[in-house]
Amino acid sequence: MFAGLQGSLLDQVEEVGVRPLVGAVRRTELTRGAWVDLRPGFITGADELFSRLMLGGSAGVDWQGERRVMWDKEVTTPRLLRFYRGDERWPDPVMRDAQRALSDHYAPELGEPFTTAGMCLYRDGRDSVAWHGDKEGRSSTKDTMIAIVSIGSPRTLALRPVGGGQSLRFQIGHGDLLVMGGSCQRTWEHAVPKTTKSVGPRISIQFRPYDVR
């Protein structure tokens, strides 16, 4: 069980869709060729989309728990997950709209489309993801991009340079878009830390190019 989402009164009257990216994206240059783009409110009707994806089963996301080996022990991953390949049926058509908009906007830099959609459900402040870079596949050696759409209660996404240095914290949620590009996955790490504050659930949708995890 987890706390319900406290929605926005404005958002409840908007249809689910995507807003333009041109002229609305703010870029933060990091070190060693990494950068982060932020587009607040990329998704309209975020409350409605959150409800659709939370339904589960054939009408939403079949959320799955996962166990991983950490520190020589098998532990339960502190969030629920689902990964969609490009050739699978995705749970909501607006995810395809977002994929196309992102692929078009970043084509000059990325040179290829976003093809997959990874999803995480953070049920409350106890759910989290530890410091890491997404370095499976080509992103272990090549620059790439990962675009994260966040809906639901805002949570902190923190970034820090590999090896130490000044960290950054972004509060994202409710339809916001954050894109990590350049060398970000190899030279920086990111995390969603636990919090003792009372927070509702959040869904993160991560769009990636082929062979990037």
N, C-alpha and C. Protein backbone atom coordinates (compact mmCIF):
# COMPACT_ATOMS: atom_id res chain seq x y z
N MET A 1 0.84 -1.20 0.00
CA MET A 1 0.00 0.00 0.00
C MET A 1 0.88 1.25 0.00
N PHE A 2 0.40 2.31 -0.61
CA PHE A 2 1.15 3.55 -0.60
C PHE A 2 0.19 4.72 -0.70
N ALA A 3 0.68 5.88 -0.33
CA ALA A 3 -0.17 7.08 -0.30
C ALA A 3 -0.65 7.43 -1.69
N GLY A 4 -1.85 8.03 -1.77
CA GLY A 4 -2.38 8.44 -3.06
C GLY A 4 -1.72 9.70 -3.58
N LEU A 5 -1.86 9.91 -4.87
CA LEU A 5 -1.29 11.09 -5.51
C LEU A 5 -2.17 12.29 -5.24
N GLN A 6 -1.55 13.40 -4.81
CA GLN A 6 -2.26 14.66 -4.66
C GLN A 6 -2.10 15.45 -5.96
N GLY A 7 -3.12 15.48 -6.78
CA GLY A 7 -3.02 16.06 -8.11
C GLY A 7 -3.17 17.57 -8.13
N SER A 8 -2.95 18.13 -9.30
CA SER A 8 -3.08 19.56 -9.53
C SER A 8 -4.47 19.86 -10.07
N LEU A 9 -5.12 20.91 -9.55
CA LEU A 9 -6.44 21.29 -10.06
C LEU A 9 -6.35 21.70 -11.52
N LEU A 10 -5.28 22.41 -11.91
CA LEU A 10 -5.11 22.82 -13.30
C LEU A 10 -4.91 21.61 -14.18
N ASP A 11 -4.10 20.66 -13.74
CA ASP A 11 -3.79 19.49 -14.55
C ASP A 11 -5.02 18.64 -14.82
N GLN A 12 -5.98 18.66 -13.89
CA GLN A 12 -7.16 17.81 -14.04
C GLN A 12 -8.05 18.23 -15.19
N VAL A 13 -7.90 19.45 -15.72
CA VAL A 13 -8.75 19.88 -16.83
C VAL A 13 -8.02 19.79 -18.16
N GLU A 14 -6.77 19.34 -18.18
CA GLU A 14 -6.01 19.23 -19.41
C GLU A 14 -6.06 17.82 -19.95
N GLU A 15 -6.10 17.68 -21.27
CA GLU A 15 -6.01 16.38 -21.89
C GLU A 15 -4.57 15.89 -21.84
N VAL A 16 -4.40 14.57 -21.88
CA VAL A 16 -3.07 13.99 -21.86
C VAL A 16 -2.40 14.24 -23.21
N GLY A 17 -1.19 14.79 -23.18
CA GLY A 17 -0.47 15.07 -24.42
C GLY A 17 0.94 15.53 -24.12
N VAL A 18 1.63 16.02 -25.14
CA VAL A 18 3.00 16.52 -24.96
C VAL A 18 3.05 17.98 -25.41
N ARG A 19 3.83 18.76 -24.70
CA ARG A 19 4.05 20.16 -25.06
C ARG A 19 5.29 20.27 -25.94
N PRO A 20 5.43 21.36 -26.68
CA PRO A 20 6.60 21.54 -27.54
C PRO A 20 7.89 21.60 -26.74
N LEU A 21 8.98 21.18 -27.39
CA LEU A 21 10.30 21.24 -26.79
C LEU A 21 11.11 22.44 -27.25
N VAL A 22 10.91 22.85 -28.49
CA VAL A 22 11.69 23.97 -29.04
C VAL A 22 11.42 25.24 -28.24
N GLY A 23 12.49 25.85 -27.77
CA GLY A 23 12.38 27.09 -27.03
C GLY A 23 12.00 26.94 -25.57
N ALA A 24 11.74 25.70 -25.13
CA ALA A 24 11.29 25.48 -23.75
C ALA A 24 12.27 24.65 -22.93
N VAL A 25 13.33 24.16 -23.55
CA VAL A 25 14.30 23.30 -22.87
C VAL A 25 15.44 24.15 -22.34
N ARG A 26 15.79 23.95 -21.05
CA ARG A 26 16.90 24.66 -20.43
C ARG A 26 18.06 23.69 -20.22
N ARG A 27 19.22 24.02 -20.75
CA ARG A 27 20.38 23.13 -20.65
C ARG A 27 21.34 23.61 -19.56
N THR A 28 21.83 22.65 -18.78
CA THR A 28 22.87 22.89 -17.79
C THR A 28 24.11 22.12 -18.22
N GLU A 29 25.18 22.83 -18.53
CA GLU A 29 26.44 22.18 -18.91
C GLU A 29 27.15 21.69 -17.66
N LEU A 30 27.55 20.44 -17.67
CA LEU A 30 28.29 19.84 -16.57
C LEU A 30 29.77 19.77 -16.94
N THR A 31 30.53 18.96 -16.26
CA THR A 31 31.95 18.81 -16.56
C THR A 31 32.18 17.62 -17.48
N ARG A 32 33.33 17.59 -18.12
CA ARG A 32 33.81 16.45 -18.91
C ARG A 32 32.85 16.06 -20.04
N GLY A 33 32.21 17.07 -20.63
CA GLY A 33 31.36 16.81 -21.79
C GLY A 33 29.96 16.34 -21.47
N ALA A 34 29.54 16.39 -20.23
CA ALA A 34 28.19 15.98 -19.84
C ALA A 34 27.26 17.19 -19.77
N TRP A 35 25.98 16.95 -19.95
CA TRP A 35 24.99 18.02 -19.81
C TRP A 35 23.64 17.44 -19.40
N VAL A 36 22.78 18.33 -18.90
CA VAL A 36 21.41 17.96 -18.50
C VAL A 36 20.46 18.99 -19.07
N ASP A 37 19.39 18.54 -19.71
CA ASP A 37 18.30 19.41 -20.18
C ASP A 37 17.09 19.23 -19.28
N LEU A 38 16.37 20.32 -19.03
CA LEU A 38 15.14 20.26 -18.25
C LEU A 38 14.03 20.98 -19.00
N ARG A 39 12.88 20.29 -19.12
CA ARG A 39 11.69 20.90 -19.72
C ARG A 39 10.54 20.68 -18.73
N PRO A 40 10.26 21.67 -17.86
CA PRO A 40 9.14 21.50 -16.92
C PRO A 40 7.82 21.35 -17.67
N GLY A 41 6.93 20.50 -17.15
CA GLY A 41 5.59 20.37 -17.70
C GLY A 41 5.54 19.86 -19.13
N PHE A 42 6.44 18.96 -19.50
CA PHE A 42 6.44 18.41 -20.86
C PHE A 42 5.16 17.65 -21.16
N ILE A 43 4.66 16.90 -20.17
CA ILE A 43 3.43 16.13 -20.33
C ILE A 43 2.26 16.92 -19.76
N THR A 44 1.20 17.09 -20.55
CA THR A 44 -0.04 17.68 -20.05
C THR A 44 -0.95 16.55 -19.57
N GLY A 45 -1.87 16.89 -18.65
CA GLY A 45 -2.76 15.87 -18.13
C GLY A 45 -2.01 14.79 -17.37
N ALA A 46 -0.96 15.17 -16.64
CA ALA A 46 -0.11 14.19 -15.98
C ALA A 46 -0.87 13.37 -14.93
N ASP A 47 -1.86 13.98 -14.25
CA ASP A 47 -2.65 13.22 -13.28
C ASP A 47 -3.40 12.07 -13.96
N GLU A 48 -4.00 12.35 -15.12
CA GLU A 48 -4.73 11.32 -15.85
C GLU A 48 -3.79 10.23 -16.34
N LEU A 49 -2.63 10.61 -16.87
CA LEU A 49 -1.68 9.60 -17.32
C LEU A 49 -1.21 8.74 -16.16
N PHE A 50 -0.95 9.36 -15.02
CA PHE A 50 -0.55 8.59 -13.84
C PHE A 50 -1.61 7.54 -13.51
N SER A 51 -2.88 7.94 -13.50
CA SER A 51 -3.96 7.01 -13.19
C SER A 51 -4.02 5.86 -14.19
N ARG A 52 -3.85 6.16 -15.46
CA ARG A 52 -3.88 5.11 -16.48
C ARG A 52 -2.78 4.08 -16.26
N LEU A 53 -1.57 4.56 -16.01
CA LEU A 53 -0.44 3.65 -15.87
C LEU A 53 -0.50 2.85 -14.57
N MET A 54 -1.17 3.38 -13.56
CA MET A 54 -1.27 2.69 -12.28
C MET A 54 -2.32 1.59 -12.27
N LEU A 55 -3.15 1.51 -13.30
CA LEU A 55 -4.23 0.54 -13.30
C LEU A 55 -3.72 -0.89 -13.21
N GLY A 56 -2.62 -1.18 -13.90
CA GLY A 56 -2.09 -2.53 -13.93
C GLY A 56 -2.84 -3.41 -14.90
N GLY A 57 -2.32 -4.62 -15.13
CA GLY A 57 -2.95 -5.56 -16.04
C GLY A 57 -2.92 -5.06 -17.46
N SER A 58 -3.90 -5.50 -18.26
CA SER A 58 -3.92 -5.16 -19.68
C SER A 58 -4.21 -3.68 -19.92
N ALA A 59 -4.82 -2.99 -18.93
CA ALA A 59 -5.16 -1.59 -19.11
C ALA A 59 -4.04 -0.65 -18.70
N GLY A 60 -3.01 -1.14 -18.03
CA GLY A 60 -1.93 -0.29 -17.57
C GLY A 60 -0.61 -1.03 -17.61
N VAL A 61 0.20 -0.82 -16.59
CA VAL A 61 1.53 -1.42 -16.53
C VAL A 61 1.50 -2.62 -15.61
N ASP A 62 2.03 -3.74 -16.06
CA ASP A 62 2.15 -4.92 -15.20
C ASP A 62 3.45 -4.81 -14.40
N TRP A 63 3.37 -4.00 -13.36
CA TRP A 63 4.54 -3.70 -12.53
C TRP A 63 5.12 -4.97 -11.95
N GLN A 64 6.44 -5.04 -11.91
CA GLN A 64 7.13 -6.24 -11.47
C GLN A 64 8.18 -5.90 -10.41
N GLY A 65 8.25 -6.73 -9.38
CA GLY A 65 9.34 -6.62 -8.42
C GLY A 65 10.56 -7.35 -8.97
N GLU A 66 11.69 -7.06 -8.39
CA GLU A 66 12.94 -7.66 -8.88
C GLU A 66 13.88 -7.89 -7.71
N ARG A 67 14.68 -8.95 -7.79
CA ARG A 67 15.69 -9.21 -6.77
C ARG A 67 17.06 -9.18 -7.43
N ARG A 68 18.01 -8.53 -6.75
CA ARG A 68 19.35 -8.39 -7.27
C ARG A 68 20.37 -8.75 -6.20
N VAL A 69 21.55 -9.15 -6.63
CA VAL A 69 22.62 -9.46 -5.70
C VAL A 69 23.43 -8.19 -5.43
N MET A 70 23.48 -7.78 -4.16
CA MET A 70 24.26 -6.61 -3.75
C MET A 70 25.00 -6.95 -2.47
N TRP A 71 26.29 -6.64 -2.45
CA TRP A 71 27.11 -6.93 -1.28
C TRP A 71 26.98 -8.40 -0.85
N ASP A 72 27.04 -9.28 -1.85
CA ASP A 72 27.00 -10.73 -1.62
C ASP A 72 25.67 -11.21 -1.04
N LYS A 73 24.63 -10.40 -1.13
CA LYS A 73 23.31 -10.80 -0.67
C LYS A 73 22.29 -10.53 -1.76
N GLU A 74 21.25 -11.36 -1.81
CA GLU A 74 20.14 -11.11 -2.73
C GLU A 74 19.12 -10.24 -2.01
N VAL A 75 18.81 -9.08 -2.61
CA VAL A 75 17.90 -8.13 -1.97
C VAL A 75 16.78 -7.76 -2.94
N THR A 76 15.68 -7.30 -2.40
CA THR A 76 14.55 -6.83 -3.22
C THR A 76 14.82 -5.40 -3.67
N THR A 77 14.66 -5.13 -4.95
CA THR A 77 14.85 -3.79 -5.48
C THR A 77 13.80 -2.85 -4.87
N PRO A 78 14.21 -1.70 -4.31
CA PRO A 78 13.26 -0.81 -3.62
C PRO A 78 12.46 0.07 -4.57
N ARG A 79 11.79 -0.53 -5.52
CA ARG A 79 10.89 0.12 -6.46
C ARG A 79 10.34 -0.98 -7.36
N LEU A 80 9.27 -0.70 -8.09
CA LEU A 80 8.72 -1.65 -9.05
C LEU A 80 9.15 -1.23 -10.45
N LEU A 81 9.23 -2.20 -11.35
CA LEU A 81 9.86 -1.97 -12.65
C LEU A 81 9.05 -2.57 -13.79
N ARG A 82 9.30 -2.06 -14.98
CA ARG A 82 8.83 -2.68 -16.23
C ARG A 82 9.65 -2.08 -17.36
N PHE A 83 10.13 -2.92 -18.26
CA PHE A 83 10.91 -2.46 -19.41
C PHE A 83 10.18 -2.86 -20.69
N TYR A 84 10.02 -1.89 -21.62
CA TYR A 84 9.34 -2.14 -22.88
C TYR A 84 10.33 -1.97 -24.04
N ARG A 85 10.47 -3.03 -24.82
CA ARG A 85 11.26 -2.94 -26.05
C ARG A 85 10.50 -2.10 -27.08
N GLY A 86 11.21 -1.71 -28.12
CA GLY A 86 10.58 -0.90 -29.15
C GLY A 86 9.48 -1.60 -29.91
N ASP A 87 9.57 -2.96 -30.01
CA ASP A 87 8.57 -3.71 -30.78
C ASP A 87 7.42 -4.20 -29.91
N GLU A 88 7.39 -3.84 -28.63
CA GLU A 88 6.29 -4.24 -27.76
C GLU A 88 5.17 -3.21 -27.81
N ARG A 89 3.99 -3.65 -27.38
CA ARG A 89 2.88 -2.71 -27.20
C ARG A 89 3.11 -1.94 -25.90
N TRP A 90 3.19 -0.60 -26.02
CA TRP A 90 3.38 0.22 -24.84
C TRP A 90 2.04 0.52 -24.18
N PRO A 91 2.02 0.78 -22.88
CA PRO A 91 0.74 0.83 -22.16
C PRO A 91 -0.10 2.07 -22.40
N ASP A 92 0.45 3.11 -23.03
CA ASP A 92 -0.36 4.30 -23.29
C ASP A 92 0.15 4.99 -24.55
N PRO A 93 -0.75 5.46 -25.42
CA PRO A 93 -0.30 6.09 -26.68
C PRO A 93 0.51 7.36 -26.48
N VAL A 94 0.33 8.07 -25.36
CA VAL A 94 1.11 9.30 -25.17
C VAL A 94 2.60 8.99 -24.99
N MET A 95 2.93 7.77 -24.59
CA MET A 95 4.34 7.40 -24.50
C MET A 95 4.98 7.38 -25.89
N ARG A 96 4.24 6.93 -26.88
CA ARG A 96 4.74 6.97 -28.26
C ARG A 96 4.83 8.41 -28.77
N ASP A 97 3.86 9.25 -28.37
CA ASP A 97 3.93 10.67 -28.76
C ASP A 97 5.19 11.32 -28.18
N ALA A 98 5.47 11.01 -26.92
CA ALA A 98 6.67 11.56 -26.29
C ALA A 98 7.93 11.03 -26.96
N GLN A 99 7.94 9.75 -27.29
CA GLN A 99 9.10 9.15 -27.98
C GLN A 99 9.37 9.85 -29.30
N ARG A 100 8.33 10.09 -30.08
CA ARG A 100 8.51 10.75 -31.38
C ARG A 100 8.99 12.18 -31.21
N ALA A 101 8.39 12.91 -30.25
CA ALA A 101 8.79 14.30 -30.02
C ALA A 101 10.25 14.38 -29.59
N LEU A 102 10.67 13.48 -28.71
CA LEU A 102 12.06 13.48 -28.24
C LEU A 102 13.01 13.09 -29.36
N SER A 103 12.64 12.08 -30.15
CA SER A 103 13.49 11.64 -31.25
C SER A 103 13.68 12.75 -32.28
N ASP A 104 12.60 13.48 -32.59
CA ASP A 104 12.70 14.58 -33.55
C ASP A 104 13.56 15.72 -33.01
N HIS A 105 13.34 16.08 -31.76
CA HIS A 105 14.04 17.24 -31.19
C HIS A 105 15.54 16.99 -31.05
N TYR A 106 15.91 15.77 -30.64
CA TYR A 106 17.32 15.49 -30.37
C TYR A 106 18.04 14.81 -31.53
N ALA A 107 17.37 14.67 -32.65
CA ALA A 107 18.00 14.01 -33.81
C ALA A 107 19.32 14.65 -34.22
N PRO A 108 19.46 16.00 -34.25
CA PRO A 108 20.74 16.58 -34.66
C PRO A 108 21.91 16.18 -33.77
N GLU A 109 21.66 15.97 -32.48
CA GLU A 109 22.73 15.59 -31.57
C GLU A 109 22.84 14.08 -31.40
N LEU A 110 21.71 13.40 -31.29
CA LEU A 110 21.71 11.97 -31.01
C LEU A 110 21.96 11.15 -32.27
N GLY A 111 21.39 11.58 -33.40
CA GLY A 111 21.61 10.89 -34.66
C GLY A 111 20.84 9.61 -34.83
N GLU A 112 19.93 9.31 -33.93
CA GLU A 112 19.11 8.10 -33.99
C GLU A 112 17.91 8.30 -33.08
N PRO A 113 16.86 7.47 -33.21
CA PRO A 113 15.67 7.66 -32.38
C PRO A 113 15.82 7.02 -31.00
N PHE A 114 15.00 7.48 -30.09
CA PHE A 114 14.79 6.75 -28.84
C PHE A 114 13.90 5.55 -29.17
N THR A 115 14.23 4.36 -28.64
CA THR A 115 13.50 3.16 -29.06
C THR A 115 12.87 2.37 -27.93
N THR A 116 13.34 2.52 -26.69
CA THR A 116 12.80 1.70 -25.60
C THR A 116 12.25 2.60 -24.50
N ALA A 117 11.44 1.99 -23.62
CA ALA A 117 10.85 2.72 -22.49
C ALA A 117 10.98 1.88 -21.23
N GLY A 118 11.88 2.30 -20.36
CA GLY A 118 11.98 1.67 -19.04
C GLY A 118 11.11 2.44 -18.07
N MET A 119 10.50 1.73 -17.11
CA MET A 119 9.59 2.38 -16.18
C MET A 119 9.91 1.96 -14.75
N CYS A 120 9.83 2.93 -13.84
CA CYS A 120 10.01 2.67 -12.42
C CYS A 120 8.84 3.29 -11.66
N LEU A 121 8.33 2.57 -10.67
CA LEU A 121 7.31 3.09 -9.77
C LEU A 121 7.91 3.21 -8.37
N TYR A 122 8.02 4.45 -7.91
CA TYR A 122 8.46 4.74 -6.54
C TYR A 122 7.20 4.93 -5.71
N ARG A 123 6.90 3.97 -4.85
CA ARG A 123 5.61 3.95 -4.16
C ARG A 123 5.51 4.98 -3.05
N ASP A 124 6.62 5.26 -2.38
CA ASP A 124 6.67 6.27 -1.32
C ASP A 124 8.13 6.65 -1.12
N GLY A 125 8.42 7.39 -0.04
CA GLY A 125 9.77 7.87 0.19
C GLY A 125 10.79 6.79 0.48
N ARG A 126 10.33 5.58 0.80
CA ARG A 126 11.26 4.49 1.07
C ARG A 126 11.81 3.88 -0.22
N ASP A 127 11.12 4.05 -1.32
CA ASP A 127 11.61 3.54 -2.60
C ASP A 127 12.65 4.49 -3.16
N SER A 128 13.65 3.94 -3.84
CA SER A 128 14.79 4.75 -4.25
C SER A 128 15.58 4.03 -5.32
N VAL A 129 16.62 4.70 -5.84
CA VAL A 129 17.63 4.04 -6.67
C VAL A 129 18.98 4.63 -6.27
N ALA A 130 19.96 3.76 -6.07
CA ALA A 130 21.28 4.17 -5.58
C ALA A 130 22.08 4.84 -6.69
N TRP A 131 23.20 5.46 -6.31
CA TRP A 131 24.08 6.12 -7.26
C TRP A 131 24.55 5.15 -8.34
N HIS A 132 24.43 5.56 -9.60
CA HIS A 132 24.83 4.70 -10.71
C HIS A 132 24.89 5.51 -11.99
N GLY A 133 25.49 4.95 -13.02
CA GLY A 133 25.38 5.42 -14.39
C GLY A 133 24.78 4.30 -15.22
N ASP A 134 23.97 4.65 -16.21
CA ASP A 134 23.38 3.62 -17.08
C ASP A 134 24.42 3.24 -18.12
N LYS A 135 25.19 2.19 -17.83
CA LYS A 135 26.35 1.87 -18.65
C LYS A 135 26.30 0.45 -19.23
N GLU A 136 25.11 -0.11 -19.36
CA GLU A 136 24.99 -1.38 -20.08
C GLU A 136 24.86 -1.09 -21.57
N GLY A 137 25.51 -1.90 -22.39
CA GLY A 137 25.46 -1.69 -23.82
C GLY A 137 26.41 -0.58 -24.26
N ARG A 138 26.02 0.15 -25.31
CA ARG A 138 26.91 1.15 -25.92
C ARG A 138 27.25 2.32 -25.00
N SER A 139 26.40 2.57 -24.00
CA SER A 139 26.64 3.73 -23.14
C SER A 139 27.84 3.54 -22.21
N SER A 140 28.42 2.35 -22.18
CA SER A 140 29.62 2.14 -21.37
C SER A 140 30.85 2.77 -22.02
N THR A 141 30.80 3.00 -23.34
CA THR A 141 31.97 3.54 -24.04
C THR A 141 31.66 4.75 -24.92
N LYS A 142 30.38 5.02 -25.20
CA LYS A 142 30.02 6.09 -26.13
C LYS A 142 29.04 7.07 -25.49
N ASP A 143 29.10 8.32 -25.94
CA ASP A 143 28.12 9.32 -25.50
C ASP A 143 26.74 8.93 -26.01
N THR A 144 25.73 9.16 -25.19
CA THR A 144 24.36 8.86 -25.59
C THR A 144 23.41 9.76 -24.81
N MET A 145 22.14 9.48 -24.83
CA MET A 145 21.14 10.25 -24.10
C MET A 145 20.15 9.33 -23.43
N ILE A 146 19.67 9.77 -22.29
CA ILE A 146 18.55 9.13 -21.60
C ILE A 146 17.57 10.22 -21.22
N ALA A 147 16.33 10.10 -21.66
CA ALA A 147 15.30 11.09 -21.41
C ALA A 147 14.32 10.53 -20.38
N ILE A 148 14.15 11.25 -19.27
CA ILE A 148 13.30 10.79 -18.18
C ILE A 148 12.08 11.69 -18.08
N VAL A 149 10.90 11.08 -18.20
CA VAL A 149 9.64 11.78 -17.97
C VAL A 149 9.13 11.35 -16.60
N SER A 150 8.82 12.31 -15.76
CA SER A 150 8.39 12.03 -14.39
C SER A 150 6.96 12.49 -14.20
N ILE A 151 6.12 11.59 -13.69
CA ILE A 151 4.74 11.95 -13.37
C ILE A 151 4.45 11.49 -11.95
N GLY A 152 3.54 12.19 -11.29
CA GLY A 152 3.25 11.88 -9.90
C GLY A 152 3.92 12.86 -8.97
N SER A 153 4.08 12.45 -7.73
CA SER A 153 4.67 13.34 -6.71
C SER A 153 6.12 13.66 -7.05
N PRO A 154 6.53 14.91 -6.90
CA PRO A 154 7.92 15.27 -7.19
C PRO A 154 8.89 14.53 -6.27
N ARG A 155 10.03 14.12 -6.85
CA ARG A 155 11.13 13.53 -6.09
C ARG A 155 12.43 14.16 -6.56
N THR A 156 13.44 14.06 -5.72
CA THR A 156 14.76 14.59 -6.06
C THR A 156 15.49 13.61 -6.97
N LEU A 157 16.04 14.12 -8.07
CA LEU A 157 17.01 13.38 -8.87
C LEU A 157 18.34 14.09 -8.67
N ALA A 158 19.29 13.38 -8.07
CA ALA A 158 20.59 13.97 -7.73
C ALA A 158 21.64 13.48 -8.71
N LEU A 159 22.60 14.33 -9.03
CA LEU A 159 23.72 13.98 -9.89
C LEU A 159 25.03 14.38 -9.21
N ARG A 160 26.09 13.59 -9.42
CA ARG A 160 27.40 13.93 -8.89
C ARG A 160 28.48 13.41 -9.85
N PRO A 161 29.60 14.08 -9.94
CA PRO A 161 30.68 13.61 -10.82
C PRO A 161 31.27 12.30 -10.29
N VAL A 162 31.62 11.41 -11.20
CA VAL A 162 32.33 10.19 -10.81
C VAL A 162 33.68 10.59 -10.22
N GLY A 163 33.99 10.06 -9.06
CA GLY A 163 35.25 10.38 -8.41
C GLY A 163 35.18 11.54 -7.45
N GLY A 164 34.03 12.21 -7.36
CA GLY A 164 33.87 13.30 -6.40
C GLY A 164 33.75 14.66 -7.05
N GLY A 165 33.13 15.57 -6.35
CA GLY A 165 32.91 16.91 -6.86
C GLY A 165 31.54 17.42 -6.44
N GLN A 166 31.23 18.64 -6.86
CA GLN A 166 29.96 19.26 -6.46
C GLN A 166 28.79 18.55 -7.11
N SER A 167 27.77 18.24 -6.32
CA SER A 167 26.59 17.55 -6.82
C SER A 167 25.49 18.54 -7.17
N LEU A 168 24.51 18.08 -7.94
CA LEU A 168 23.34 18.86 -8.33
C LEU A 168 22.09 18.09 -7.92
N ARG A 169 21.02 18.82 -7.65
CA ARG A 169 19.76 18.19 -7.28
C ARG A 169 18.63 18.86 -8.06
N PHE A 170 17.83 18.04 -8.72
CA PHE A 170 16.67 18.51 -9.47
C PHE A 170 15.42 17.93 -8.82
N GLN A 171 14.42 18.76 -8.60
CA GLN A 171 13.13 18.31 -8.09
C GLN A 171 12.20 18.15 -9.29
N ILE A 172 11.93 16.91 -9.67
CA ILE A 172 11.15 16.69 -10.89
C ILE A 172 9.91 15.86 -10.58
N GLY A 173 8.87 16.12 -11.33
CA GLY A 173 7.61 15.40 -11.19
C GLY A 173 6.53 16.10 -11.97
N HIS A 174 5.35 15.49 -11.97
CA HIS A 174 4.16 16.11 -12.54
C HIS A 174 4.33 16.53 -14.00
N GLY A 175 4.89 15.60 -14.80
CA GLY A 175 5.01 15.85 -16.23
C GLY A 175 6.32 16.44 -16.69
N ASP A 176 7.27 16.60 -15.77
CA ASP A 176 8.56 17.20 -16.13
C ASP A 176 9.42 16.23 -16.94
N LEU A 177 10.29 16.81 -17.76
CA LEU A 177 11.25 16.05 -18.57
C LEU A 177 12.66 16.45 -18.17
N LEU A 178 13.51 15.45 -17.96
CA LEU A 178 14.93 15.67 -17.72
C LEU A 178 15.71 14.75 -18.65
N VAL A 179 16.65 15.32 -19.41
CA VAL A 179 17.45 14.55 -20.36
C VAL A 179 18.92 14.64 -19.94
N MET A 180 19.56 13.49 -19.81
CA MET A 180 20.99 13.42 -19.52
C MET A 180 21.71 13.05 -20.81
N GLY A 181 22.69 13.88 -21.23
CA GLY A 181 23.35 13.66 -22.50
C GLY A 181 24.84 13.84 -22.44
N GLY A 182 25.47 13.72 -23.61
CA GLY A 182 26.92 13.79 -23.69
C GLY A 182 27.54 12.60 -22.96
N SER A 183 28.54 12.86 -22.15
CA SER A 183 29.24 11.79 -21.42
C SER A 183 28.61 11.49 -20.07
N CYS A 184 27.38 11.97 -19.82
CA CYS A 184 26.79 11.95 -18.48
C CYS A 184 26.78 10.56 -17.84
N GLN A 185 26.47 9.52 -18.60
CA GLN A 185 26.37 8.19 -18.00
C GLN A 185 27.72 7.62 -17.60
N ARG A 186 28.80 8.10 -18.21
CA ARG A 186 30.14 7.59 -17.91
C ARG A 186 30.89 8.47 -16.91
N THR A 187 30.64 9.77 -16.93
CA THR A 187 31.44 10.68 -16.11
C THR A 187 30.67 11.24 -14.91
N TRP A 188 29.37 11.02 -14.86
CA TRP A 188 28.54 11.42 -13.73
C TRP A 188 27.70 10.23 -13.28
N GLU A 189 27.20 10.29 -12.05
CA GLU A 189 26.26 9.30 -11.52
C GLU A 189 24.98 10.02 -11.12
N HIS A 190 23.87 9.27 -11.12
CA HIS A 190 22.61 9.85 -10.68
C HIS A 190 21.91 8.90 -9.72
N ALA A 191 20.98 9.45 -8.93
CA ALA A 191 20.28 8.67 -7.91
C ALA A 191 18.96 9.34 -7.59
N VAL A 192 18.01 8.53 -7.10
CA VAL A 192 16.79 9.04 -6.47
C VAL A 192 16.88 8.61 -5.00
N PRO A 193 17.29 9.50 -4.11
CA PRO A 193 17.52 9.10 -2.71
C PRO A 193 16.23 8.87 -1.95
N LYS A 194 16.31 8.05 -0.92
CA LYS A 194 15.19 7.88 -0.01
C LYS A 194 14.90 9.19 0.70
N THR A 195 13.69 9.33 1.21
CA THR A 195 13.33 10.52 1.97
C THR A 195 12.39 10.13 3.10
N THR A 196 12.52 10.81 4.24
CA THR A 196 11.61 10.58 5.36
C THR A 196 10.37 11.45 5.27
N LYS A 197 10.34 12.36 4.30
CA LYS A 197 9.16 13.20 4.11
C LYS A 197 7.99 12.36 3.61
N SER A 198 6.79 12.82 3.89
CA SER A 198 5.60 12.14 3.41
C SER A 198 5.38 12.50 1.94
N VAL A 199 5.67 11.57 1.04
CA VAL A 199 5.52 11.81 -0.39
C VAL A 199 4.64 10.73 -1.01
N GLY A 200 3.91 11.10 -2.02
CA GLY A 200 3.09 10.15 -2.74
C GLY A 200 3.89 9.40 -3.78
N PRO A 201 3.24 8.56 -4.56
CA PRO A 201 3.93 7.75 -5.57
C PRO A 201 4.36 8.57 -6.77
N ARG A 202 5.41 8.09 -7.43
CA ARG A 202 5.95 8.71 -8.63
C ARG A 202 6.27 7.64 -9.65
N ILE A 203 5.99 7.92 -10.92
CA ILE A 203 6.37 7.04 -12.03
C ILE A 203 7.42 7.75 -12.87
N SER A 204 8.50 7.04 -13.14
CA SER A 204 9.56 7.53 -14.01
C SER A 204 9.55 6.71 -15.30
N ILE A 205 9.53 7.40 -16.44
CA ILE A 205 9.59 6.74 -17.75
C ILE A 205 10.90 7.15 -18.41
N GLN A 206 11.76 6.17 -18.69
CA GLN A 206 13.08 6.46 -19.25
C GLN A 206 13.14 6.01 -20.71
N PHE A 207 13.27 6.96 -21.61
CA PHE A 207 13.41 6.67 -23.04
C PHE A 207 14.90 6.59 -23.39
N ARG A 208 15.28 5.50 -24.09
CA ARG A 208 16.68 5.28 -24.43
C ARG A 208 16.80 4.85 -25.89
N PRO A 209 17.96 5.13 -26.52
CA PRO A 209 18.22 4.55 -27.85
C PRO A 209 18.47 3.05 -27.75
N TYR A 210 18.60 2.42 -28.90
CA TYR A 210 18.85 0.99 -28.95
C TYR A 210 20.15 0.61 -28.26
N ASP A 211 20.13 -0.48 -27.51
CA ASP A 211 21.32 -1.05 -26.85
C ASP A 211 21.91 -0.10 -25.83
N VAL A 212 21.05 0.61 -25.13
CA VAL A 212 21.49 1.45 -24.01
C VAL A 212 20.62 1.10 -22.81
N ARG A 213 21.24 0.68 -21.72
CA ARG A 213 20.51 0.40 -20.46
C ARG A 213 21.28 1.02 -19.32
